[in-house]
Amino acid sequence: MKYYTIHLTKEEVNHLREIISKGTHSAQTMRVAYILLNCDEGKYSEKITNEQISQVLKVGMRTIDRVKKRFIEEGLEEVLERRPTSRVYDKKADGELEAQLVTLCCSDPPKGYGKWSLRLLAEKLVELKYVESISHVTVRTLLKKTNLSPGK
């Protein structure tokens, strides 16, 4: 494992102390500021071990290592900001499924039921093979988007 040593300049130390002293920043930003200040091996602060930082800030050792690595590779401003998510969500519902759901919702409910429930609609969509699987929460979102209610 590669070890990263942090050497902060006086301006960086002042900037991090300013972040800590003002309560207008996110908890993650403040946590990163504390980690960087405590990991600093420059002439403006004393070195504290990662174990001590971990115990005081209640963060894992791996978190400290990731913060140090990101500071070295990307810089101070990047480590203080959250990265935008790179996760891509696949949409299960398209316009065709919405139309089929609306049609189903407007039809009569199955025998023994007074009205459609979200779970009944989800089960019926799977039973009719419109989708392979669908959650009742997704059905709710689709109906909310079209301003429909299964009871109407």
N, C-alpha and C. Protein backbone atom coordinates (compact mmCIF):
# COMPACT_ATOMS: atom_id res chain seq x y z
N MET A 1 0.84 -1.19 0.00
CA MET A 1 0.00 0.00 0.00
C MET A 1 0.88 1.24 0.00
N LYS A 2 0.50 2.21 -0.79
CA LYS A 2 1.27 3.43 -0.91
C LYS A 2 0.85 4.40 0.19
N TYR A 3 1.83 5.00 0.85
CA TYR A 3 1.55 5.95 1.91
C TYR A 3 1.71 7.37 1.38
N TYR A 4 0.75 8.19 1.69
CA TYR A 4 0.76 9.58 1.24
C TYR A 4 1.04 10.48 2.43
N THR A 5 1.97 11.41 2.23
CA THR A 5 2.26 12.39 3.28
C THR A 5 1.73 13.74 2.83
N ILE A 6 1.09 14.42 3.75
CA ILE A 6 0.44 15.69 3.48
C ILE A 6 1.33 16.82 4.00
N HIS A 7 1.64 17.77 3.13
CA HIS A 7 2.37 18.98 3.52
C HIS A 7 1.54 20.17 3.06
N LEU A 8 0.84 20.79 4.00
CA LEU A 8 -0.03 21.91 3.68
C LEU A 8 0.73 23.23 3.75
N THR A 9 0.37 24.14 2.85
CA THR A 9 0.94 25.49 2.90
C THR A 9 0.18 26.29 3.95
N LYS A 10 0.72 27.45 4.29
CA LYS A 10 0.07 28.30 5.29
C LYS A 10 -1.33 28.73 4.81
N GLU A 11 -1.47 29.01 3.51
CA GLU A 11 -2.77 29.41 2.98
C GLU A 11 -3.78 28.26 3.09
N GLU A 12 -3.32 27.04 2.80
CA GLU A 12 -4.21 25.89 2.88
C GLU A 12 -4.64 25.64 4.33
N VAL A 13 -3.71 25.77 5.26
CA VAL A 13 -4.03 25.60 6.67
C VAL A 13 -5.06 26.64 7.10
N ASN A 14 -4.85 27.89 6.71
CA ASN A 14 -5.79 28.96 7.07
C ASN A 14 -7.17 28.69 6.46
N HIS A 15 -7.20 28.25 5.21
CA HIS A 15 -8.46 27.95 4.54
C HIS A 15 -9.21 26.82 5.26
N LEU A 16 -8.49 25.76 5.65
CA LEU A 16 -9.12 24.64 6.35
C LEU A 16 -9.61 25.05 7.74
N ARG A 17 -8.84 25.88 8.44
CA ARG A 17 -9.27 26.37 9.76
C ARG A 17 -10.49 27.27 9.63
N GLU A 18 -10.57 28.01 8.56
CA GLU A 18 -11.74 28.86 8.31
C GLU A 18 -12.98 27.99 8.07
N ILE A 19 -12.82 26.90 7.36
CA ILE A 19 -13.93 25.98 7.12
C ILE A 19 -14.43 25.40 8.44
N ILE A 20 -13.50 25.02 9.30
CA ILE A 20 -13.87 24.41 10.58
C ILE A 20 -14.55 25.43 11.50
N SER A 21 -14.08 26.66 11.47
CA SER A 21 -14.61 27.66 12.41
C SER A 21 -15.98 28.18 12.00
N LYS A 22 -16.36 28.05 10.74
CA LYS A 22 -17.66 28.51 10.28
C LYS A 22 -18.55 27.30 10.03
N GLY A 23 -19.78 27.33 10.51
CA GLY A 23 -20.67 26.19 10.41
C GLY A 23 -21.52 26.15 9.16
N THR A 24 -21.06 26.72 8.08
CA THR A 24 -21.87 26.76 6.86
C THR A 24 -21.50 25.68 5.85
N HIS A 25 -20.68 24.76 6.24
CA HIS A 25 -20.21 23.73 5.32
C HIS A 25 -20.85 22.39 5.68
N SER A 26 -20.84 21.47 4.72
CA SER A 26 -21.40 20.14 4.97
C SER A 26 -20.52 19.38 5.96
N ALA A 27 -21.12 18.37 6.56
CA ALA A 27 -20.39 17.55 7.52
C ALA A 27 -19.21 16.85 6.86
N GLN A 28 -19.40 16.42 5.61
CA GLN A 28 -18.32 15.75 4.90
C GLN A 28 -17.14 16.70 4.67
N THR A 29 -17.43 17.95 4.30
CA THR A 29 -16.37 18.94 4.07
C THR A 29 -15.61 19.21 5.37
N MET A 30 -16.35 19.33 6.46
CA MET A 30 -15.69 19.59 7.75
C MET A 30 -14.85 18.39 8.18
N ARG A 31 -15.37 17.18 7.95
CA ARG A 31 -14.62 15.97 8.31
C ARG A 31 -13.31 15.90 7.51
N VAL A 32 -13.37 16.20 6.22
CA VAL A 32 -12.18 16.19 5.38
C VAL A 32 -11.19 17.25 5.85
N ALA A 33 -11.70 18.43 6.23
CA ALA A 33 -10.83 19.49 6.72
C ALA A 33 -10.10 19.05 7.99
N TYR A 34 -10.82 18.43 8.91
CA TYR A 34 -10.19 17.92 10.13
C TYR A 34 -9.14 16.86 9.82
N ILE A 35 -9.47 15.96 8.90
CA ILE A 35 -8.51 14.90 8.54
C ILE A 35 -7.24 15.51 7.96
N LEU A 36 -7.40 16.45 7.03
CA LEU A 36 -6.22 17.06 6.40
C LEU A 36 -5.38 17.84 7.40
N LEU A 37 -6.02 18.58 8.28
CA LEU A 37 -5.26 19.34 9.28
C LEU A 37 -4.50 18.42 10.22
N ASN A 38 -5.11 17.32 10.60
CA ASN A 38 -4.44 16.40 11.52
C ASN A 38 -3.37 15.54 10.84
N CYS A 39 -3.48 15.34 9.54
CA CYS A 39 -2.49 14.55 8.81
C CYS A 39 -1.31 15.39 8.34
N ASP A 40 -1.40 16.68 8.47
CA ASP A 40 -0.37 17.58 7.96
C ASP A 40 0.96 17.31 8.65
N GLU A 41 2.00 17.16 7.84
CA GLU A 41 3.35 16.96 8.36
C GLU A 41 4.22 18.17 8.07
N GLY A 42 3.61 19.27 7.69
CA GLY A 42 4.35 20.50 7.40
C GLY A 42 4.82 21.18 8.67
N LYS A 43 5.37 22.37 8.51
CA LYS A 43 5.92 23.08 9.67
C LYS A 43 4.86 23.85 10.44
N TYR A 44 3.59 23.81 10.00
CA TYR A 44 2.55 24.58 10.66
C TYR A 44 1.72 23.77 11.65
N SER A 45 1.99 22.48 11.78
CA SER A 45 1.25 21.66 12.74
C SER A 45 2.06 20.43 13.09
N GLU A 46 1.63 19.76 14.17
CA GLU A 46 2.31 18.54 14.59
C GLU A 46 1.60 17.33 14.00
N LYS A 47 2.35 16.26 13.82
CA LYS A 47 1.82 15.04 13.19
C LYS A 47 1.08 14.22 14.22
N ILE A 48 -0.09 13.74 13.85
CA ILE A 48 -0.88 12.85 14.67
C ILE A 48 -1.05 11.56 13.87
N THR A 49 -1.02 10.43 14.54
CA THR A 49 -1.12 9.16 13.82
C THR A 49 -2.55 8.94 13.29
N ASN A 50 -2.63 8.13 12.26
CA ASN A 50 -3.93 7.82 11.67
C ASN A 50 -4.86 7.13 12.67
N GLU A 51 -4.30 6.32 13.55
CA GLU A 51 -5.12 5.65 14.56
C GLU A 51 -5.77 6.66 15.49
N GLN A 52 -5.02 7.68 15.89
CA GLN A 52 -5.59 8.71 16.76
C GLN A 52 -6.68 9.50 16.04
N ILE A 53 -6.42 9.85 14.79
CA ILE A 53 -7.42 10.58 14.00
C ILE A 53 -8.68 9.73 13.86
N SER A 54 -8.50 8.45 13.58
CA SER A 54 -9.61 7.54 13.41
C SER A 54 -10.48 7.46 14.67
N GLN A 55 -9.84 7.40 15.82
CA GLN A 55 -10.59 7.29 17.07
C GLN A 55 -11.31 8.60 17.41
N VAL A 56 -10.67 9.72 17.20
CA VAL A 56 -11.27 11.01 17.57
C VAL A 56 -12.40 11.38 16.62
N LEU A 57 -12.19 11.23 15.32
CA LEU A 57 -13.19 11.64 14.33
C LEU A 57 -14.21 10.56 14.02
N LYS A 58 -14.01 9.34 14.58
CA LYS A 58 -14.92 8.22 14.34
C LYS A 58 -15.04 7.90 12.85
N VAL A 59 -13.91 7.86 12.17
CA VAL A 59 -13.86 7.47 10.77
C VAL A 59 -12.91 6.29 10.64
N GLY A 60 -13.04 5.56 9.56
CA GLY A 60 -12.18 4.41 9.34
C GLY A 60 -10.80 4.81 8.82
N MET A 61 -9.87 3.92 9.00
CA MET A 61 -8.51 4.16 8.53
C MET A 61 -8.49 4.31 7.01
N ARG A 62 -9.32 3.53 6.34
CA ARG A 62 -9.38 3.60 4.88
C ARG A 62 -9.89 4.96 4.41
N THR A 63 -10.82 5.55 5.14
CA THR A 63 -11.32 6.88 4.80
C THR A 63 -10.20 7.91 4.85
N ILE A 64 -9.39 7.82 5.87
CA ILE A 64 -8.26 8.74 6.00
C ILE A 64 -7.30 8.57 4.83
N ASP A 65 -7.02 7.33 4.48
CA ASP A 65 -6.12 7.07 3.34
C ASP A 65 -6.70 7.60 2.03
N ARG A 66 -8.01 7.44 1.84
CA ARG A 66 -8.64 7.94 0.61
C ARG A 66 -8.59 9.46 0.53
N VAL A 67 -8.81 10.12 1.66
CA VAL A 67 -8.76 11.59 1.68
C VAL A 67 -7.35 12.06 1.35
N LYS A 68 -6.35 11.43 1.95
CA LYS A 68 -4.97 11.81 1.68
C LYS A 68 -4.60 11.59 0.22
N LYS A 69 -5.00 10.45 -0.32
CA LYS A 69 -4.70 10.14 -1.72
C LYS A 69 -5.36 11.14 -2.65
N ARG A 70 -6.63 11.44 -2.39
CA ARG A 70 -7.35 12.39 -3.25
C ARG A 70 -6.75 13.79 -3.16
N PHE A 71 -6.29 14.18 -1.97
CA PHE A 71 -5.65 15.49 -1.82
C PHE A 71 -4.37 15.56 -2.65
N ILE A 72 -3.56 14.52 -2.58
CA ILE A 72 -2.29 14.49 -3.32
C ILE A 72 -2.55 14.50 -4.83
N GLU A 73 -3.51 13.69 -5.27
CA GLU A 73 -3.74 13.54 -6.71
C GLU A 73 -4.56 14.65 -7.34
N GLU A 74 -5.54 15.20 -6.60
CA GLU A 74 -6.47 16.14 -7.20
C GLU A 74 -6.41 17.55 -6.64
N GLY A 75 -5.90 17.73 -5.44
CA GLY A 75 -5.79 19.07 -4.87
C GLY A 75 -6.83 19.35 -3.79
N LEU A 76 -6.66 20.49 -3.13
CA LEU A 76 -7.47 20.84 -1.97
C LEU A 76 -8.94 21.05 -2.32
N GLU A 77 -9.22 21.84 -3.32
CA GLU A 77 -10.61 22.17 -3.65
C GLU A 77 -11.40 20.92 -4.08
N GLU A 78 -10.75 20.02 -4.80
CA GLU A 78 -11.43 18.80 -5.25
C GLU A 78 -11.76 17.86 -4.09
N VAL A 79 -10.86 17.78 -3.12
CA VAL A 79 -11.09 16.86 -2.01
C VAL A 79 -12.18 17.41 -1.08
N LEU A 80 -12.38 18.71 -1.06
CA LEU A 80 -13.40 19.30 -0.20
C LEU A 80 -14.81 19.17 -0.80
N GLU A 81 -14.90 18.99 -2.10
CA GLU A 81 -16.20 18.89 -2.78
C GLU A 81 -16.56 17.44 -3.04
N ARG A 82 -17.84 17.13 -3.00
CA ARG A 82 -18.31 15.79 -3.34
C ARG A 82 -18.20 15.57 -4.84
N ARG A 83 -17.86 14.36 -5.21
CA ARG A 83 -17.84 14.00 -6.63
C ARG A 83 -19.27 13.77 -7.09
N PRO A 84 -19.59 14.17 -8.31
CA PRO A 84 -20.91 13.82 -8.83
C PRO A 84 -20.99 12.31 -9.05
N THR A 85 -22.16 11.76 -8.86
CA THR A 85 -22.32 10.32 -8.99
C THR A 85 -22.10 9.87 -10.43
N SER A 86 -21.49 8.72 -10.57
CA SER A 86 -21.23 8.18 -11.90
C SER A 86 -22.18 7.01 -12.20
N ARG A 87 -23.06 6.71 -11.25
CA ARG A 87 -23.96 5.58 -11.41
C ARG A 87 -25.06 5.94 -12.41
N VAL A 88 -25.33 5.02 -13.31
CA VAL A 88 -26.37 5.22 -14.32
C VAL A 88 -27.51 4.26 -14.00
N TYR A 89 -28.70 4.82 -13.87
CA TYR A 89 -29.86 4.01 -13.58
C TYR A 89 -30.61 3.68 -14.87
N ASP A 90 -30.93 2.42 -15.03
CA ASP A 90 -31.72 2.00 -16.19
C ASP A 90 -33.19 2.21 -15.87
N LYS A 91 -33.89 2.85 -16.79
CA LYS A 91 -35.33 3.06 -16.61
C LYS A 91 -36.07 1.82 -17.07
N LYS A 92 -36.92 1.32 -16.19
CA LYS A 92 -37.72 0.16 -16.53
C LYS A 92 -38.97 0.58 -17.28
N ALA A 93 -39.48 1.75 -16.92
CA ALA A 93 -40.75 2.20 -17.46
C ALA A 93 -40.54 3.17 -18.60
N ASP A 94 -41.15 2.86 -19.73
CA ASP A 94 -41.13 3.77 -20.87
C ASP A 94 -42.57 4.21 -21.13
N GLY A 95 -42.78 4.95 -22.18
CA GLY A 95 -44.11 5.45 -22.50
C GLY A 95 -45.12 4.35 -22.76
N GLU A 96 -44.66 3.28 -23.37
CA GLU A 96 -45.56 2.17 -23.68
C GLU A 96 -46.06 1.50 -22.40
N LEU A 97 -45.16 1.29 -21.46
CA LEU A 97 -45.56 0.68 -20.19
C LEU A 97 -46.50 1.60 -19.43
N GLU A 98 -46.23 2.90 -19.47
CA GLU A 98 -47.12 3.86 -18.81
C GLU A 98 -48.53 3.77 -19.40
N ALA A 99 -48.64 3.69 -20.72
CA ALA A 99 -49.94 3.59 -21.38
C ALA A 99 -50.66 2.31 -20.96
N GLN A 100 -49.92 1.20 -20.90
CA GLN A 100 -50.52 -0.06 -20.49
C GLN A 100 -50.97 -0.01 -19.03
N LEU A 101 -50.20 0.67 -18.20
CA LEU A 101 -50.55 0.80 -16.78
C LEU A 101 -51.81 1.66 -16.63
N VAL A 102 -51.90 2.74 -17.37
CA VAL A 102 -53.08 3.60 -17.30
C VAL A 102 -54.32 2.83 -17.76
N THR A 103 -54.17 2.08 -18.84
CA THR A 103 -55.29 1.27 -19.34
C THR A 103 -55.72 0.25 -18.29
N LEU A 104 -54.76 -0.39 -17.68
CA LEU A 104 -55.05 -1.39 -16.65
C LEU A 104 -55.71 -0.73 -15.44
N CYS A 105 -55.23 0.42 -15.08
CA CYS A 105 -55.74 1.13 -13.91
C CYS A 105 -57.20 1.56 -14.13
N CYS A 106 -57.53 1.91 -15.36
CA CYS A 106 -58.88 2.35 -15.68
C CYS A 106 -59.85 1.19 -15.86
N SER A 107 -59.34 -0.02 -15.97
CA SER A 107 -60.22 -1.19 -16.15
C SER A 107 -60.78 -1.62 -14.79
N ASP A 108 -61.69 -2.59 -14.83
CA ASP A 108 -62.28 -3.10 -13.59
C ASP A 108 -61.25 -3.92 -12.83
N PRO A 109 -61.25 -3.84 -11.51
CA PRO A 109 -60.30 -4.64 -10.71
C PRO A 109 -60.69 -6.12 -10.74
N PRO A 110 -59.78 -6.98 -10.36
CA PRO A 110 -60.08 -8.42 -10.36
C PRO A 110 -61.24 -8.75 -9.41
N LYS A 111 -61.86 -9.91 -9.63
CA LYS A 111 -62.97 -10.32 -8.76
C LYS A 111 -62.48 -10.46 -7.33
N GLY A 112 -63.30 -9.98 -6.42
CA GLY A 112 -62.95 -10.05 -5.01
C GLY A 112 -62.28 -8.78 -4.50
N TYR A 113 -61.99 -7.85 -5.37
CA TYR A 113 -61.35 -6.60 -4.97
C TYR A 113 -62.25 -5.43 -5.37
N GLY A 114 -62.34 -4.44 -4.49
CA GLY A 114 -63.15 -3.27 -4.77
C GLY A 114 -62.46 -2.28 -5.67
N LYS A 115 -61.14 -2.24 -5.60
CA LYS A 115 -60.36 -1.32 -6.44
C LYS A 115 -58.95 -1.87 -6.59
N TRP A 116 -58.22 -1.27 -7.51
CA TRP A 116 -56.84 -1.68 -7.76
C TRP A 116 -55.95 -1.19 -6.63
N SER A 117 -55.04 -2.03 -6.19
CA SER A 117 -53.97 -1.59 -5.28
C SER A 117 -52.67 -1.53 -6.08
N LEU A 118 -51.69 -0.87 -5.54
CA LEU A 118 -50.42 -0.76 -6.24
C LEU A 118 -49.78 -2.14 -6.45
N ARG A 119 -49.88 -2.97 -5.45
CA ARG A 119 -49.30 -4.32 -5.56
C ARG A 119 -50.06 -5.18 -6.58
N LEU A 120 -51.37 -5.02 -6.61
CA LEU A 120 -52.16 -5.75 -7.61
C LEU A 120 -51.78 -5.31 -9.01
N LEU A 121 -51.63 -4.00 -9.20
CA LEU A 121 -51.23 -3.50 -10.52
C LEU A 121 -49.86 -4.03 -10.93
N ALA A 122 -48.92 -4.03 -9.98
CA ALA A 122 -47.57 -4.52 -10.27
C ALA A 122 -47.61 -6.00 -10.64
N GLU A 123 -48.39 -6.78 -9.89
CA GLU A 123 -48.49 -8.22 -10.18
C GLU A 123 -49.14 -8.46 -11.55
N LYS A 124 -50.15 -7.66 -11.87
CA LYS A 124 -50.86 -7.84 -13.14
C LYS A 124 -49.95 -7.48 -14.32
N LEU A 125 -49.12 -6.43 -14.16
CA LEU A 125 -48.18 -6.06 -15.23
C LEU A 125 -47.20 -7.19 -15.52
N VAL A 126 -46.75 -7.86 -14.46
CA VAL A 126 -45.84 -8.99 -14.63
C VAL A 126 -46.59 -10.19 -15.23
N GLU A 127 -47.81 -10.41 -14.74
CA GLU A 127 -48.62 -11.54 -15.22
C GLU A 127 -48.92 -11.40 -16.72
N LEU A 128 -49.18 -10.18 -17.17
CA LEU A 128 -49.48 -9.94 -18.59
C LEU A 128 -48.21 -9.82 -19.43
N LYS A 129 -47.06 -9.99 -18.77
CA LYS A 129 -45.74 -9.97 -19.42
C LYS A 129 -45.41 -8.64 -20.10
N TYR A 130 -45.90 -7.55 -19.50
CA TYR A 130 -45.50 -6.22 -19.97
C TYR A 130 -44.07 -5.93 -19.53
N VAL A 131 -43.71 -6.43 -18.35
CA VAL A 131 -42.35 -6.30 -17.81
C VAL A 131 -42.00 -7.61 -17.14
N GLU A 132 -40.69 -7.82 -16.97
CA GLU A 132 -40.23 -9.04 -16.31
C GLU A 132 -40.48 -8.97 -14.81
N SER A 133 -40.19 -7.80 -14.22
CA SER A 133 -40.48 -7.57 -12.81
C SER A 133 -40.61 -6.07 -12.60
N ILE A 134 -41.46 -5.69 -11.64
CA ILE A 134 -41.66 -4.28 -11.34
C ILE A 134 -42.11 -4.16 -9.89
N SER A 135 -41.66 -3.11 -9.26
CA SER A 135 -42.00 -2.85 -7.87
C SER A 135 -43.29 -2.04 -7.79
N HIS A 136 -44.01 -2.22 -6.69
CA HIS A 136 -45.21 -1.41 -6.49
C HIS A 136 -44.85 0.07 -6.33
N VAL A 137 -43.61 0.35 -5.88
CA VAL A 137 -43.15 1.73 -5.74
C VAL A 137 -42.99 2.37 -7.12
N THR A 138 -42.51 1.60 -8.08
CA THR A 138 -42.39 2.11 -9.45
C THR A 138 -43.77 2.39 -10.03
N VAL A 139 -44.72 1.51 -9.74
CA VAL A 139 -46.09 1.73 -10.20
C VAL A 139 -46.64 3.02 -9.59
N ARG A 140 -46.38 3.23 -8.31
CA ARG A 140 -46.84 4.45 -7.64
C ARG A 140 -46.24 5.69 -8.29
N THR A 141 -44.95 5.64 -8.59
CA THR A 141 -44.28 6.77 -9.22
C THR A 141 -44.88 7.07 -10.58
N LEU A 142 -45.14 6.03 -11.35
CA LEU A 142 -45.73 6.22 -12.68
C LEU A 142 -47.13 6.82 -12.59
N LEU A 143 -47.93 6.31 -11.65
CA LEU A 143 -49.28 6.85 -11.50
C LEU A 143 -49.27 8.27 -10.97
N LYS A 144 -48.34 8.57 -10.10
CA LYS A 144 -48.22 9.92 -9.58
C LYS A 144 -47.85 10.88 -10.72
N LYS A 145 -46.98 10.42 -11.59
CA LYS A 145 -46.54 11.24 -12.71
C LYS A 145 -47.69 11.53 -13.67
N THR A 146 -48.63 10.59 -13.78
CA THR A 146 -49.76 10.78 -14.71
C THR A 146 -50.99 11.31 -13.99
N ASN A 147 -50.84 11.66 -12.71
CA ASN A 147 -51.94 12.19 -11.88
C ASN A 147 -53.12 11.22 -11.80
N LEU A 148 -52.84 9.93 -11.71
CA LEU A 148 -53.88 8.92 -11.55
C LEU A 148 -53.77 8.29 -10.18
N SER A 149 -54.85 7.74 -9.73
CA SER A 149 -54.90 7.01 -8.49
C SER A 149 -55.51 5.66 -8.77
N PRO A 150 -54.98 4.58 -8.21
CA PRO A 150 -55.56 3.27 -8.51
C PRO A 150 -56.99 3.12 -8.04
N GLY A 151 -57.45 3.94 -7.12
CA GLY A 151 -58.81 3.84 -6.59
C GLY A 151 -59.84 4.57 -7.42
N LYS A 152 -59.41 5.37 -8.40
CA LYS A 152 -60.37 6.17 -9.18
C LYS A 152 -60.87 5.42 -10.39
